[in-house]
N, C-alpha and C. Protein backbone atom coordinates (compact mmCIF):
# COMPACT_ATOMS: atom_id res chain seq x y z
N MET A 1 121.15 129.33 102.73
CA MET A 1 120.22 128.44 103.42
C MET A 1 120.97 127.69 104.51
N ASN A 2 120.35 127.64 105.67
CA ASN A 2 120.96 126.83 106.73
C ASN A 2 120.34 125.43 106.73
N MET A 3 120.84 124.56 107.58
CA MET A 3 120.40 123.16 107.61
C MET A 3 118.91 123.02 107.95
N ASN A 4 118.39 123.86 108.83
CA ASN A 4 116.97 123.82 109.18
C ASN A 4 116.09 124.13 107.98
N ASP A 5 116.51 125.11 107.18
CA ASP A 5 115.76 125.45 105.97
C ASP A 5 115.75 124.30 104.98
N ILE A 6 116.89 123.65 104.84
CA ILE A 6 116.99 122.51 103.91
C ILE A 6 116.09 121.37 104.37
N LEU A 7 116.13 121.07 105.68
CA LEU A 7 115.27 120.00 106.22
C LEU A 7 113.80 120.35 106.07
N PHE A 8 113.46 121.63 106.31
CA PHE A 8 112.07 122.07 106.15
C PHE A 8 111.62 121.89 104.71
N CYS A 9 112.46 122.29 103.77
CA CYS A 9 112.12 122.16 102.34
C CYS A 9 111.95 120.70 101.95
N GLU A 10 112.83 119.84 102.44
CA GLU A 10 112.71 118.41 102.14
C GLU A 10 111.42 117.83 102.72
N ASP A 11 111.11 118.21 103.97
CA ASP A 11 109.88 117.72 104.61
C ASP A 11 108.64 118.19 103.85
N GLU A 12 108.63 119.46 103.45
CA GLU A 12 107.50 119.99 102.69
C GLU A 12 107.37 119.30 101.34
N ASN A 13 108.49 119.06 100.69
CA ASN A 13 108.47 118.37 99.41
C ASN A 13 107.92 116.95 99.57
N ASN A 14 108.35 116.25 100.60
CA ASN A 14 107.86 114.90 100.86
C ASN A 14 106.37 114.90 101.20
N ARG A 15 105.92 115.93 101.90
CA ARG A 15 104.50 116.02 102.26
C ARG A 15 103.64 116.29 101.03
N ILE A 16 104.09 117.19 100.19
CA ILE A 16 103.33 117.57 99.00
C ILE A 16 103.37 116.46 97.95
N ASN A 17 104.51 115.83 97.77
CA ASN A 17 104.68 114.78 96.77
C ASN A 17 104.76 113.41 97.44
N ALA A 18 103.84 113.17 98.32
CA ALA A 18 103.86 111.92 99.10
C ALA A 18 103.64 110.71 98.21
N GLU A 19 104.29 109.62 98.57
CA GLU A 19 104.09 108.35 97.89
C GLU A 19 103.08 107.53 98.68
N SER A 20 102.35 106.69 97.99
CA SER A 20 101.36 105.88 98.68
C SER A 20 102.05 104.78 99.48
N ALA A 21 101.40 104.37 100.54
CA ALA A 21 101.92 103.29 101.38
C ALA A 21 100.75 102.46 101.88
N GLN A 22 100.98 101.18 102.05
CA GLN A 22 99.93 100.30 102.55
C GLN A 22 99.76 100.54 104.05
N GLY A 23 98.53 100.72 104.50
CA GLY A 23 98.25 101.00 105.89
C GLY A 23 98.20 99.75 106.76
N THR A 24 98.23 99.96 108.05
CA THR A 24 98.24 98.87 109.02
C THR A 24 96.99 98.00 108.91
N GLN A 25 95.82 98.62 108.75
CA GLN A 25 94.58 97.85 108.65
C GLN A 25 94.60 96.95 107.41
N SER A 26 95.07 97.47 106.31
CA SER A 26 95.15 96.70 105.08
C SER A 26 96.09 95.50 105.25
N ILE A 27 97.21 95.74 105.90
CA ILE A 27 98.17 94.65 106.15
C ILE A 27 97.55 93.58 107.04
N MET A 28 96.80 94.00 108.06
CA MET A 28 96.17 93.04 108.97
C MET A 28 95.12 92.19 108.26
N VAL A 29 94.31 92.81 107.42
CA VAL A 29 93.29 92.08 106.67
C VAL A 29 93.95 91.11 105.70
N GLN A 30 95.00 91.55 105.04
CA GLN A 30 95.69 90.69 104.09
C GLN A 30 96.32 89.49 104.80
N SER A 31 96.89 89.72 105.98
CA SER A 31 97.48 88.64 106.77
C SER A 31 96.41 87.66 107.23
N ASP A 32 95.28 88.18 107.69
CA ASP A 32 94.16 87.34 108.13
C ASP A 32 93.61 86.52 106.96
N MET A 33 93.55 87.15 105.79
CA MET A 33 93.04 86.47 104.60
C MET A 33 93.96 85.32 104.20
N LYS A 34 95.27 85.54 104.30
CA LYS A 34 96.20 84.46 103.96
C LYS A 34 96.08 83.31 104.97
N ALA A 35 95.95 83.64 106.26
CA ALA A 35 95.79 82.60 107.28
C ALA A 35 94.52 81.79 107.01
N TYR A 36 93.45 82.47 106.61
CA TYR A 36 92.20 81.79 106.26
C TYR A 36 92.42 80.87 105.06
N ALA A 37 93.10 81.37 104.03
CA ALA A 37 93.35 80.58 102.82
C ALA A 37 94.21 79.35 103.13
N LEU A 38 95.20 79.50 103.99
CA LEU A 38 96.03 78.36 104.39
C LEU A 38 95.20 77.34 105.16
N ARG A 39 94.39 77.84 106.09
CA ARG A 39 93.56 76.97 106.94
C ARG A 39 92.54 76.18 106.12
N THR A 40 92.00 76.79 105.08
CA THR A 40 90.96 76.14 104.28
C THR A 40 91.50 75.41 103.06
N GLY A 41 92.82 75.46 102.86
CA GLY A 41 93.42 74.76 101.74
C GLY A 41 93.33 75.49 100.41
N LEU A 42 92.98 76.78 100.45
CA LEU A 42 92.89 77.56 99.21
C LEU A 42 94.24 78.07 98.75
N TRP A 43 95.17 78.20 99.67
CA TRP A 43 96.51 78.73 99.35
C TRP A 43 97.43 77.60 99.01
N PRO A 44 98.22 77.61 98.00
CA PRO A 44 98.40 78.63 96.97
C PRO A 44 97.72 78.28 95.65
N SER A 45 96.84 77.29 95.65
CA SER A 45 96.32 76.78 94.38
C SER A 45 95.15 77.58 93.81
N SER A 46 94.46 78.37 94.63
CA SER A 46 93.28 79.10 94.15
C SER A 46 93.64 80.47 93.61
N ASP A 47 92.76 80.98 92.75
CA ASP A 47 92.89 82.33 92.23
C ASP A 47 92.74 83.34 93.37
N TYR A 48 93.56 84.39 93.35
CA TYR A 48 93.56 85.38 94.43
C TYR A 48 92.18 86.02 94.61
N ASN A 49 91.49 86.34 93.51
CA ASN A 49 90.16 86.94 93.61
C ASN A 49 89.18 85.98 94.27
N PHE A 50 89.32 84.68 94.01
CA PHE A 50 88.46 83.69 94.66
C PHE A 50 88.72 83.67 96.16
N ILE A 51 90.00 83.75 96.55
CA ILE A 51 90.34 83.77 97.97
C ILE A 51 89.75 85.01 98.64
N ILE A 52 89.83 86.16 97.98
CA ILE A 52 89.26 87.40 98.53
C ILE A 52 87.77 87.23 98.77
N ASN A 53 87.06 86.72 97.76
CA ASN A 53 85.61 86.55 97.89
C ASN A 53 85.24 85.51 98.94
N ALA A 54 85.98 84.41 99.00
CA ALA A 54 85.70 83.37 99.99
C ALA A 54 85.95 83.89 101.40
N HIS A 55 87.01 84.65 101.57
CA HIS A 55 87.32 85.23 102.88
C HIS A 55 86.24 86.22 103.31
N ALA A 56 85.81 87.08 102.38
CA ALA A 56 84.75 88.04 102.68
C ALA A 56 83.46 87.32 103.05
N GLU A 57 83.14 86.28 102.32
CA GLU A 57 81.92 85.49 102.61
C GLU A 57 82.03 84.86 104.00
N ASP A 58 83.18 84.29 104.32
CA ASP A 58 83.38 83.65 105.62
C ASP A 58 83.26 84.65 106.76
N ARG A 59 83.73 85.87 106.54
CA ARG A 59 83.67 86.92 107.57
C ARG A 59 82.30 87.59 107.65
N GLY A 60 81.42 87.31 106.69
CA GLY A 60 80.11 87.95 106.69
C GLY A 60 80.14 89.34 106.08
N TRP A 61 81.17 89.63 105.32
CA TRP A 61 81.31 90.96 104.73
C TRP A 61 80.54 91.09 103.42
N SER A 62 79.95 90.01 102.93
CA SER A 62 79.24 90.07 101.66
C SER A 62 77.75 89.81 101.85
N GLN A 63 77.21 90.23 102.98
CA GLN A 63 75.79 90.04 103.26
C GLN A 63 74.94 90.92 102.35
N GLU A 64 73.76 90.45 102.06
CA GLU A 64 72.81 91.20 101.25
C GLU A 64 72.47 92.52 101.94
N GLY A 65 72.57 93.62 101.21
CA GLY A 65 72.23 94.93 101.78
C GLY A 65 73.30 95.50 102.69
N PHE A 66 74.48 94.92 102.71
CA PHE A 66 75.56 95.39 103.57
C PHE A 66 76.68 95.91 102.69
N THR A 67 77.04 97.17 102.87
CA THR A 67 78.06 97.77 102.02
C THR A 67 79.43 97.83 102.70
N GLY A 68 79.48 97.62 104.00
CA GLY A 68 80.72 97.75 104.73
C GLY A 68 80.98 99.16 105.21
N MET A 69 80.09 100.09 104.83
CA MET A 69 80.25 101.47 105.25
C MET A 69 79.32 101.83 106.42
N GLU A 70 78.58 100.84 106.92
CA GLU A 70 77.68 101.10 108.03
C GLU A 70 78.47 101.41 109.29
N ILE A 71 77.89 102.22 110.15
CA ILE A 71 78.51 102.56 111.42
C ILE A 71 77.85 101.72 112.51
N ILE A 72 78.65 100.96 113.22
CA ILE A 72 78.14 100.10 114.30
C ILE A 72 78.12 100.92 115.57
N GLN A 73 76.95 100.95 116.24
CA GLN A 73 76.84 101.73 117.48
C GLN A 73 76.61 100.82 118.65
């Protein structure tokens, strides 16, 4: 095996056995949520699930009949 074959095998192995990673959008939402919690005095004394729900409510993400999967045109 030459070096190219070894690199190809490693790349294929990493692709097939990929590990999960947090995406950019998730990081941005989490950062925005923490900024909201700091601004409203919820951080660090409130339960994390309460902060998530309060942030979603503040953003309008928990509206009646809204699933978050709608496509905005």
